[in-house]
Each structure stands twice: as structure tokens, then as C-alpha cells.
């Protein structure tokens, strides 16, 4: 997809004399029509004989000179990078975790120091750092679960209401763990 978009842009500005680039562009454009949209949970793609470049047509549509005068227009900046086009997730303050948790589950928890403490403890742990370096997020989740449980139990005496609330509502605990996993894994991968 990135090649198709970049080539389509550059072909408007720069004449290419390499027929292989044009063939690849045409093939890629047709191939993308057959592929499912990107997203999670997509099954394996079976193309078989659905996409095959059977013919290729190159046609000159127009010929002329482009006259440009200095200072007549604004500078045009091209693409900086070629990629998938996905944007980075917007970072949120950890304090919003408690606010969203309270809004979603109708609770009245106020445990910001617990969240910050647990997050900082997990990010500082050598085993967690090593696990984040060598694992995907799904594999990291297995290690993370054990360490999160231990960190919460270490703080139970000061934050009993919050932690007990997590363990009495399974969906609340699952949501909390998922949010904490995103935060901790994101911080560890960034560092």
C-alpha cells in the first residue's frame, strides 16, 4: 500500500523511464483490491489465481514543457517516510485510567498513587524489562499478569477497597489489567 501511494504521488511530479516500476505499481494496485482491509483478526489470505498480471498497457496521455519561474509558488514538500500509515496511539496521563475506570464501572476509586506506584515498580523491574525486549505483547501478557498480581498484593494494606473491587468484578479486573499492560509495555518498549 505504501509503494502504491508513494508511486502515485511521485508519478505526477517525476517522469519514470523504468517499466518495471510501472508494472509493479499496476500489479500492486490490482492486488490491493483483492486483499481484505488491514485490521486485527484477519484470516490468512488465499489468492490462488485471483490476481494475475495478464497484460500491461502504457499510454502517453500528454506531452509538454513545464515552465517554472523562481519565487512564483510555494515550495512542495514530498513524503518524509514510507510506512503503513498507522499513527501512534495518543498518550494519556495515567491519572485518566482511574477516571475512565470509575466512569465505565460506576466506581468511586481514588487510587492514583497505587497506579503510579505499580506502574513505576513494574517498569523498573529487570525481569519485566527483559521480557518486554524479547516478547510480543501477547507473550509479555503472561509474565505481566504474575508481576501485576504481586505488585497489587504488596499494596493491599493501603488500597484494600480498590484492589478488593478489582477482584470481586472479573470484567473490571480484566479491563484494568489490559490498560495497565498497554501502559507498562508501551513504556518498556519506548525505553
Protein backbone atom coordinates (compact mmCIF):
# COMPACT_ATOMS: atom_id res chain seq x y z
CA UNK A 1 0.00 0.00 0.00
CA UNK A 2 2.84 2.37 0.84
CA UNK A 3 4.52 1.75 -2.52
CA UNK A 4 1.28 2.32 -4.41
CA UNK A 5 0.62 5.63 -2.66
CA UNK A 6 4.17 6.88 -2.99
CA UNK A 7 4.45 5.90 -6.66
CA UNK A 8 1.08 7.50 -7.50
CA UNK A 9 2.29 10.74 -5.91
CA UNK A 10 5.74 10.73 -7.49
CA UNK A 11 4.48 9.74 -10.95
CA UNK A 12 2.60 13.05 -11.10
CA UNK A 13 5.80 15.00 -10.50
CA UNK A 14 8.68 12.95 -11.92
CA UNK A 15 8.71 11.03 -15.21
CA UNK A 16 9.85 7.43 -14.73
CA UNK A 17 11.54 5.53 -17.53
CA UNK A 18 11.65 2.19 -15.72
CA UNK A 19 8.83 -0.04 -16.96
CA UNK A 20 9.33 -2.46 -14.06
CA UNK A 21 8.32 0.22 -11.56
CA UNK A 22 5.14 0.90 -13.50
CA UNK A 23 4.37 -2.82 -13.75
CA UNK A 24 4.86 -3.24 -10.01
CA UNK A 25 2.55 -0.28 -9.38
CA UNK A 26 -0.17 -1.69 -11.64
CA UNK A 27 0.13 -5.15 -10.12
CA UNK A 28 0.09 -3.79 -6.56
CA UNK A 29 -2.99 -1.66 -7.27
CA UNK A 30 -4.91 -4.69 -8.54
CA UNK A 31 -3.63 -6.88 -5.72
CA UNK A 32 -4.81 -4.45 -3.04
CA UNK A 33 -8.36 -4.66 -4.43
CA UNK A 34 -8.39 -8.39 -3.69
CA UNK A 35 -6.86 -8.19 -0.22
CA UNK A 36 -9.02 -7.62 2.89
CA UNK A 37 -8.72 -4.30 4.69
CA UNK A 38 -5.97 -4.23 7.33
CA UNK A 39 -7.05 -4.95 10.89
CA UNK A 40 -6.83 -7.44 13.69
CA UNK A 41 -8.15 -10.96 13.42
CA UNK A 42 -7.88 -11.20 9.65
CA UNK A 43 -7.65 -14.80 8.42
CA UNK A 44 -4.83 -15.89 6.14
CA UNK A 45 -5.19 -14.60 2.59
CA UNK A 46 -5.68 -17.20 -0.15
CA UNK A 47 -5.13 -15.55 -3.53
CA UNK A 48 -4.76 -18.63 -5.74
CA UNK A 49 -5.43 -17.39 -9.26
CA UNK A 50 -7.47 -14.31 -8.31
CA UNK A 51 -4.69 -11.87 -9.11
CA UNK A 52 -2.50 -12.33 -12.14
CA UNK A 53 -0.94 -9.68 -14.36
CA UNK A 54 -2.11 -10.80 -17.79
CA UNK A 55 -1.44 -7.68 -19.80
CA UNK A 56 0.07 -4.27 -19.40
CA UNK A 57 -0.71 -1.09 -21.32
CA UNK A 58 1.43 2.04 -21.32
CA UNK A 59 -0.19 5.06 -22.88
CA UNK A 60 1.15 8.58 -23.28
CA UNK A 61 -1.69 10.93 -22.50
CA UNK A 62 0.01 14.28 -22.79
CA UNK A 63 3.30 15.84 -23.78
CA UNK A 64 4.55 19.33 -22.97
CA UNK A 65 7.03 21.55 -21.24
CA UNK A 66 6.65 22.66 -17.68
CA UNK A 67 7.82 26.21 -17.17
CA UNK A 68 8.53 27.27 -13.63
CA UNK A 69 9.53 30.74 -12.56
CA UNK A 70 11.59 31.28 -9.42
CA UNK A 71 9.52 32.53 -6.49
CA UNK A 72 6.21 32.06 -8.33
CA UNK A 73 4.83 29.45 -5.98
CA UNK A 74 5.18 27.83 -2.62
CA UNK A 75 7.67 25.01 -2.03
CA UNK A 76 6.29 21.50 -2.30
CA UNK A 77 7.42 19.02 0.29
CA UNK A 78 7.27 15.33 -0.53
CA UNK A 79 6.71 12.42 1.80
CA UNK A 80 9.17 12.10 4.67
CA UNK A 81 8.74 8.37 5.28
CA UNK A 82 7.17 5.36 3.67
CA UNK A 83 5.16 3.20 6.01
CA UNK A 84 1.82 1.67 6.75
CA UNK A 85 0.19 4.98 7.53
CA UNK A 86 -0.84 3.95 11.03
CA UNK A 87 -0.46 6.67 13.57
CA UNK A 88 0.93 6.30 17.04
CA UNK A 89 -1.63 5.90 19.75
CA UNK A 90 -2.32 9.08 21.61
CA UNK A 91 -0.62 9.01 25.01
CA UNK A 92 -2.80 9.70 28.01
CA UNK A 93 -1.89 10.51 31.55
CA UNK A 94 -2.13 7.57 33.87
CA UNK A 95 -4.50 9.57 36.08
CA UNK A 96 -7.14 9.23 33.38
CA UNK A 97 -7.10 5.45 33.91
CA UNK A 98 -8.86 5.80 37.26
CA UNK A 99 -11.29 8.36 35.85
CA UNK A 100 -12.22 6.09 32.91
CA UNK A 101 -12.46 3.09 35.24
CA UNK A 102 -14.86 4.98 37.52
CA UNK A 103 -16.95 6.20 34.58
CA UNK A 104 -17.14 2.79 32.93
CA UNK A 105 -17.91 0.69 36.01
CA UNK A 106 -19.65 3.26 38.25
CA UNK A 107 -16.99 3.03 40.95
CA UNK A 108 -15.56 5.80 43.12
CA UNK A 109 -11.94 4.71 43.39
CA UNK A 110 -9.25 7.28 44.08
CA UNK A 111 -6.02 5.35 43.90
CA UNK A 112 -3.70 7.39 41.71
CA UNK A 113 -0.70 6.74 43.93
CA UNK A 114 -1.41 2.99 43.65
CA UNK A 115 -1.50 3.13 39.85
CA UNK A 116 1.66 5.24 39.65
CA UNK A 117 3.44 3.05 42.19
CA UNK A 118 2.53 -0.22 40.49
CA UNK A 119 3.45 1.13 37.06
CA UNK A 120 6.78 2.51 38.23
CA UNK A 121 7.57 -0.74 40.07
CA UNK A 122 6.82 -2.86 37.00
CA UNK A 123 8.74 -0.59 34.62
CA UNK A 124 11.79 -0.59 36.93
CA UNK A 125 11.86 -4.38 37.32
CA UNK A 126 14.75 -6.04 35.43
CA UNK A 127 12.74 -9.17 34.57
CA UNK A 128 9.92 -7.08 33.14
CA UNK A 129 12.38 -5.06 31.06
CA UNK A 130 13.95 -8.25 29.70
CA UNK A 131 10.53 -9.79 28.99
CA UNK A 132 9.42 -6.69 27.07
CA UNK A 133 12.62 -6.70 24.99
CA UNK A 134 12.25 -10.28 23.77
CA UNK A 135 8.47 -10.84 23.63
CA UNK A 136 5.49 -9.70 21.66
CA UNK A 137 2.73 -8.04 23.67
CA UNK A 138 0.71 -11.27 23.73
CA UNK A 139 3.62 -13.28 25.15
CA UNK A 140 4.53 -10.45 27.52
CA UNK A 141 0.98 -10.59 28.92
CA UNK A 142 1.72 -13.97 30.55
CA UNK A 143 4.69 -12.63 32.51
CA UNK A 144 2.96 -9.32 33.18
CA UNK A 145 -0.06 -10.96 34.83
CA UNK A 146 2.09 -12.59 37.56
CA UNK A 147 4.05 -9.41 38.28
CA UNK A 148 0.91 -7.25 38.39
CA UNK A 149 -0.72 -9.62 40.88
CA UNK A 150 2.34 -9.43 43.15
CA UNK A 151 2.55 -5.63 42.91
CA UNK A 152 -1.13 -5.26 43.81
CA UNK A 153 -0.80 -7.62 46.77
CA UNK A 154 2.21 -5.62 48.04
CA UNK A 155 -0.05 -2.56 48.24
CA UNK A 156 -3.22 -4.20 49.52
CA UNK A 157 -2.99 -2.81 53.06
CA UNK A 158 -3.08 0.82 51.83
CA UNK A 159 -5.51 0.35 48.93
CA UNK A 160 -7.74 -2.50 50.07
CA UNK A 161 -11.01 -1.01 48.74
CA UNK A 162 -9.65 -0.50 45.22
CA UNK A 163 -7.89 -3.88 44.99
CA UNK A 164 -10.83 -5.77 46.52
CA UNK A 165 -13.08 -4.09 43.96
CA UNK A 166 -10.85 -5.40 41.19
CA UNK A 167 -11.01 -8.97 42.47
CA UNK A 168 -14.77 -9.00 43.03
CA UNK A 169 -15.63 -7.89 39.47
CA UNK A 170 -13.97 -10.03 36.80
CA UNK A 171 -14.70 -7.65 33.92
CA UNK A 172 -13.35 -4.71 35.92
CA UNK A 173 -10.13 -6.61 36.68
CA UNK A 174 -9.71 -7.70 33.05
CA UNK A 175 -10.18 -4.13 31.83
CA UNK A 176 -7.75 -2.79 34.45
CA UNK A 177 -5.11 -5.39 33.53
CA UNK A 178 -5.46 -4.59 29.83
CA UNK A 179 -5.00 -0.87 30.48
CA UNK A 180 -2.00 -1.46 32.73
CA UNK A 181 -0.49 -3.85 30.18
CA UNK A 182 -0.71 -1.18 27.48
CA UNK A 183 0.90 1.42 29.73
CA UNK A 184 3.72 -0.76 31.07
CA UNK A 185 4.54 -2.50 27.77
CA UNK A 186 4.45 0.83 25.93
CA UNK A 187 6.83 2.46 28.41
CA UNK A 188 9.20 -0.51 28.39
CA UNK A 189 9.33 -0.72 24.59
CA UNK A 190 9.88 3.02 24.31
CA UNK A 191 12.89 2.92 26.66
